[in-house]
Amino acid sequence: MASVEVRNTSGESVGTVDLADDIFGVEPNVPVMHQVVTAQLAGIRSGDHSTLTRAEVRGGGRKPWRQKGSGRARQGSTRAPHWRGGGVAMGPKPRSYAQRTPKKMVALALRSALSDRAAEGRIAVVEAWNITSPKTKDAKAAVAALGLTGRLLVVLDRDDEAAAKSFRNLPEVHLILPGELNAYDVLCSDWVVFTRANLPGGAAPADEAPADATPADAAPAEEVSSE
């Protein structure tokens, strides 16, 4: 089980936490990530493109010239597709580009993306942002103290409003709720930043034994005789 250092907003180390192997330690499945990201990008397309057919273009109700005797090819309307200003044949119409993706594939793609970032050492954990009032200066100072560069994906809880308002003016920071984590945003980011509270997997501190663990030197319980 891999562990990551936990730091405060001043950049000081305050401990370590273990990263869950089933979330941050799986073998990245590249084909699944590709399919899920493609479906996600297709789903955000508006699909509102539209062209007019010859039936929808105004005008053209009158035959431009008589059928025979003019020496020209017969024409029934000036709004046919081969006329300038005419309708469009087989042009695009409003449609949905959404693709159905199984939930298990979406979950596997997210785990694969997080595991890829963890393998590269691009997962950062902050003890807490401790921003009481919205100040972009405080958010910028915290990012500088943590030594994070490039595009950051900062995972914030819904009730951390002051931190959200502080980070939203930084162009290199993308904010997201824990329930909105997705493979595309993770792969587009250089760093994924969690707080100790919203780290997926509910990892316990690396230097803390599980609650149900029994010390190795603990004396065995005395057996009560039934006699």
Protein backbone atom coordinates (compact mmCIF):
# COMPACT_ATOMS: atom_id res chain seq x y z
CA MET A 1 0.00 0.00 0.00
CA ALA A 2 1.48 3.32 -1.08
CA SER A 3 1.51 6.31 1.21
CA VAL A 4 1.54 10.03 0.56
CA GLU A 5 2.70 12.91 2.70
CA VAL A 6 0.08 15.15 4.28
CA ARG A 7 0.96 18.83 4.44
CA ASN A 8 -0.68 21.99 5.71
CA THR A 9 -1.19 25.20 3.78
CA SER A 10 2.27 26.38 4.84
CA GLY A 11 3.88 23.40 3.12
CA GLU A 12 4.90 21.70 6.38
CA SER A 13 4.56 17.94 6.73
CA VAL A 14 2.01 16.85 9.34
CA GLY A 15 2.10 13.10 8.69
CA THR A 16 1.33 10.53 6.03
CA VAL A 17 -1.72 8.60 4.88
CA ASP A 18 -2.06 5.30 3.06
CA LEU A 19 -3.63 5.27 -0.39
CA ALA A 20 -6.20 2.53 -0.93
CA ASP A 21 -4.83 -0.09 -3.30
CA ASP A 22 -8.23 -0.71 -4.90
CA ILE A 23 -8.43 2.97 -5.95
CA PHE A 24 -4.86 4.22 -6.35
CA GLY A 25 -3.03 0.95 -6.97
CA VAL A 26 -4.76 -0.76 -9.91
CA GLU A 27 -3.23 -1.40 -13.31
CA PRO A 28 -4.47 1.45 -15.58
CA ASN A 29 -6.81 0.14 -18.26
CA VAL A 30 -6.03 2.41 -21.22
CA PRO A 31 -8.79 1.15 -23.61
CA VAL A 32 -11.46 1.67 -20.95
CA MET A 33 -10.15 5.15 -20.14
CA HIS A 34 -10.21 6.01 -23.85
CA GLN A 35 -13.78 4.81 -24.29
CA VAL A 36 -15.07 6.57 -21.18
CA VAL A 37 -13.33 9.87 -22.00
CA THR A 38 -14.60 9.72 -25.59
CA ALA A 39 -18.14 9.15 -24.33
CA GLN A 40 -17.82 12.01 -21.83
CA LEU A 41 -16.62 14.43 -24.50
CA ALA A 42 -19.40 13.28 -26.83
CA GLY A 43 -21.98 13.83 -24.10
CA ILE A 44 -21.13 17.51 -23.66
CA ARG A 45 -21.61 18.28 -27.36
CA SER A 46 -24.65 20.49 -27.82
CA GLY A 47 -25.77 18.81 -31.05
CA ASP A 48 -27.87 21.84 -32.02
CA HIS A 49 -26.47 22.17 -35.55
CA SER A 50 -29.18 22.46 -38.18
CA THR A 51 -29.47 23.18 -41.91
CA LEU A 52 -32.56 23.94 -44.00
CA THR A 53 -33.84 21.44 -46.49
CA ARG A 54 -35.45 22.53 -49.77
CA ALA A 55 -38.83 22.29 -48.03
CA GLU A 56 -37.75 24.71 -45.29
CA VAL A 57 -36.05 27.43 -47.38
CA ARG A 58 -38.27 30.42 -48.15
CA GLY A 59 -39.35 30.96 -51.73
CA GLY A 60 -39.00 28.74 -54.75
CA GLY A 61 -42.66 28.01 -55.09
CA ARG A 62 -42.81 29.15 -58.70
CA LYS A 63 -41.31 27.23 -61.59
CA PRO A 64 -38.38 29.37 -62.83
CA TRP A 65 -39.16 28.82 -66.53
CA ARG A 66 -41.40 26.70 -68.63
CA GLN A 67 -40.74 23.00 -68.98
CA LYS A 68 -39.96 22.94 -72.72
CA GLY A 69 -38.76 25.27 -75.42
CA SER A 70 -36.22 27.37 -73.54
CA GLY A 71 -33.22 25.20 -74.39
CA ARG A 72 -32.27 24.95 -70.74
CA ALA A 73 -32.57 22.04 -68.39
CA ARG A 74 -35.93 21.64 -66.80
CA GLN A 75 -36.22 23.08 -63.28
CA GLY A 76 -39.08 22.95 -60.83
CA SER A 77 -37.79 25.26 -58.07
CA THR A 78 -34.94 27.68 -57.39
CA ARG A 79 -34.60 26.19 -53.91
CA ALA A 80 -33.31 22.81 -55.02
CA PRO A 81 -29.95 21.80 -53.46
CA HIS A 82 -27.94 22.52 -56.63
CA TRP A 83 -29.18 26.13 -56.77
CA ARG A 84 -27.44 28.98 -54.98
CA GLY A 85 -29.56 29.83 -51.96
CA GLY A 86 -31.30 26.48 -52.14
CA GLY A 87 -31.74 23.89 -49.44
CA VAL A 88 -29.05 21.53 -48.17
CA ALA A 89 -29.27 17.87 -49.08
CA MET A 90 -28.61 15.44 -46.22
CA GLY A 91 -27.28 18.23 -43.99
CA PRO A 92 -26.88 17.99 -40.21
CA LYS A 93 -29.93 18.16 -38.00
CA PRO A 94 -30.22 18.47 -34.18
CA ARG A 95 -29.25 15.22 -32.50
CA SER A 96 -27.83 13.85 -29.28
CA TYR A 97 -24.26 12.55 -29.26
CA ALA A 98 -24.64 10.91 -25.85
CA GLN A 99 -23.22 7.42 -25.50
CA ARG A 100 -24.32 4.88 -22.95
CA THR A 101 -21.40 3.82 -20.78
CA PRO A 102 -21.76 1.09 -18.12
CA LYS A 103 -21.24 2.32 -14.57
CA LYS A 104 -18.56 -0.29 -13.93
CA MET A 105 -16.54 1.03 -16.88
CA VAL A 106 -16.84 4.61 -15.60
CA ALA A 107 -15.65 3.50 -12.15
CA LEU A 108 -12.75 1.48 -13.63
CA ALA A 109 -11.68 4.44 -15.78
CA LEU A 110 -11.63 6.72 -12.72
CA ARG A 111 -9.61 4.22 -10.68
CA SER A 112 -7.22 3.80 -13.60
CA ALA A 113 -6.74 7.56 -13.94
CA LEU A 114 -6.17 8.02 -10.20
CA SER A 115 -3.74 5.09 -10.16
CA ASP A 116 -1.83 6.63 -13.06
CA ARG A 117 -1.47 9.92 -11.19
CA ALA A 118 -0.48 8.11 -8.00
CA ALA A 119 2.19 6.10 -9.85
CA GLU A 120 3.68 9.37 -11.08
CA GLY A 121 3.58 10.91 -7.59
CA ARG A 122 0.99 13.45 -8.66
CA ILE A 123 -1.45 12.97 -5.76
CA ALA A 124 -1.27 15.66 -3.06
CA VAL A 125 -3.09 15.62 0.28
CA VAL A 126 -3.69 18.70 2.40
CA GLU A 127 -4.66 18.48 6.06
CA ALA A 128 -7.26 21.26 5.61
CA TRP A 129 -7.34 24.51 3.69
CA ASN A 130 -8.31 26.56 6.76
CA ILE A 131 -9.52 29.51 4.67
CA THR A 132 -12.08 31.40 6.72
CA SER A 133 -12.83 34.25 4.30
CA PRO A 134 -12.61 34.27 0.50
CA LYS A 135 -9.19 35.60 -0.50
CA THR A 136 -7.50 34.66 -3.76
CA LYS A 137 -4.19 35.77 -2.25
CA ASP A 138 -4.44 33.08 0.44
CA ALA A 139 -5.22 30.38 -2.12
CA LYS A 140 -2.32 31.44 -4.32
CA ALA A 141 0.04 31.46 -1.33
CA ALA A 142 -1.10 27.95 -0.32
CA VAL A 143 -0.46 26.57 -3.82
CA ALA A 144 2.99 28.17 -3.86
CA ALA A 145 3.83 26.78 -0.41
CA LEU A 146 2.81 23.28 -1.47
CA GLY A 147 5.06 23.57 -4.53
CA LEU A 148 2.34 22.54 -6.99
CA THR A 149 2.77 23.65 -10.58
CA GLY A 150 0.79 23.18 -13.76
CA ARG A 151 -2.92 22.44 -13.95
CA LEU A 152 -4.41 21.52 -10.57
CA LEU A 153 -7.58 19.56 -9.88
CA VAL A 154 -8.61 20.60 -6.37
CA VAL A 155 -11.25 18.40 -4.74
CA LEU A 156 -13.34 20.41 -2.28
CA ASP A 157 -16.28 19.50 -0.10
CA ARG A 158 -19.57 21.28 -0.69
CA ASP A 159 -19.42 23.12 2.64
CA ASP A 160 -15.90 24.51 1.98
CA GLU A 161 -17.33 27.63 0.36
CA ALA A 162 -14.60 30.06 1.42
CA ALA A 163 -11.88 27.91 -0.16
CA ALA A 164 -13.94 27.48 -3.33
CA LYS A 165 -14.36 31.23 -3.74
CA SER A 166 -10.64 31.72 -3.08
CA PHE A 167 -9.52 29.21 -5.72
CA ARG A 168 -12.02 30.03 -8.46
CA ASN A 169 -10.06 33.07 -9.68
CA LEU A 170 -6.88 31.06 -10.30
CA PRO A 171 -6.84 30.04 -13.99
CA GLU A 172 -4.66 26.98 -13.41
CA VAL A 173 -7.03 25.52 -10.78
CA HIS A 174 -10.11 23.46 -11.59
CA LEU A 175 -12.48 22.85 -8.68
CA ILE A 176 -14.57 19.72 -8.35
CA LEU A 177 -16.73 18.01 -5.74
CA PRO A 178 -15.77 14.51 -4.52
CA GLY A 179 -18.89 13.04 -6.12
CA GLU A 180 -18.04 14.65 -9.48
CA LEU A 181 -14.58 13.11 -9.89
CA ASN A 182 -14.15 11.72 -13.39
CA ALA A 183 -11.39 10.24 -15.51
CA TYR A 184 -11.25 13.13 -17.99
CA ASP A 185 -10.58 15.85 -15.41
CA VAL A 186 -8.03 13.67 -13.62
CA LEU A 187 -6.13 12.93 -16.84
CA CYS A 188 -6.19 16.60 -17.88
CA SER A 189 -4.59 17.69 -14.61
CA ASP A 190 -0.95 17.64 -13.58
CA TRP A 191 -1.85 17.34 -9.89
CA VAL A 192 -4.91 16.02 -8.07
CA VAL A 193 -5.23 17.66 -4.65
CA PHE A 194 -7.38 16.15 -1.89
CA THR A 195 -7.90 17.03 1.73
CA ARG A 196 -7.50 14.36 4.36
CA ALA A 197 -11.28 14.35 4.84
CA ASN A 198 -12.27 13.72 1.21
CA LEU A 199 -9.45 11.36 0.17
CA PRO A 200 -11.14 8.39 -1.59
CA GLY A 201 -10.97 5.12 0.26
CA GLY A 202 -11.03 6.64 3.75
CA ALA A 203 -7.35 5.88 4.27
CA ALA A 204 -6.08 5.91 7.84
CA PRO A 205 -2.80 7.55 8.80
CA ALA A 206 0.16 5.41 7.79
CA ASP A 207 1.64 5.53 11.29
CA GLU A 208 -1.63 4.53 12.97
CA ALA A 209 -2.64 0.92 13.47
CA PRO A 210 -6.17 -0.18 12.56
CA ALA A 211 -8.70 0.06 15.36
CA ASP A 212 -9.32 -3.68 15.45
CA ALA A 213 -5.63 -4.64 15.45
CA THR A 214 -4.34 -6.59 18.43
CA PRO A 215 -0.82 -5.68 19.68
CA ALA A 216 1.69 -8.45 19.15
CA ASP A 217 2.83 -8.34 22.78
CA ALA A 218 -0.67 -8.36 24.25
CA ALA A 219 -1.27 -11.11 26.74
CA PRO A 220 -3.91 -13.66 25.75
CA ALA A 221 -7.20 -13.49 27.57
CA GLU A 222 -7.51 -15.84 30.55
CA GLU A 223 -9.69 -18.82 29.93
CA VAL A 224 -12.57 -19.19 32.34
CA SER A 225 -12.95 -22.72 33.53
CA SER A 226 -16.41 -24.18 33.58
CA GLU A 227 -15.52 -26.43 36.51
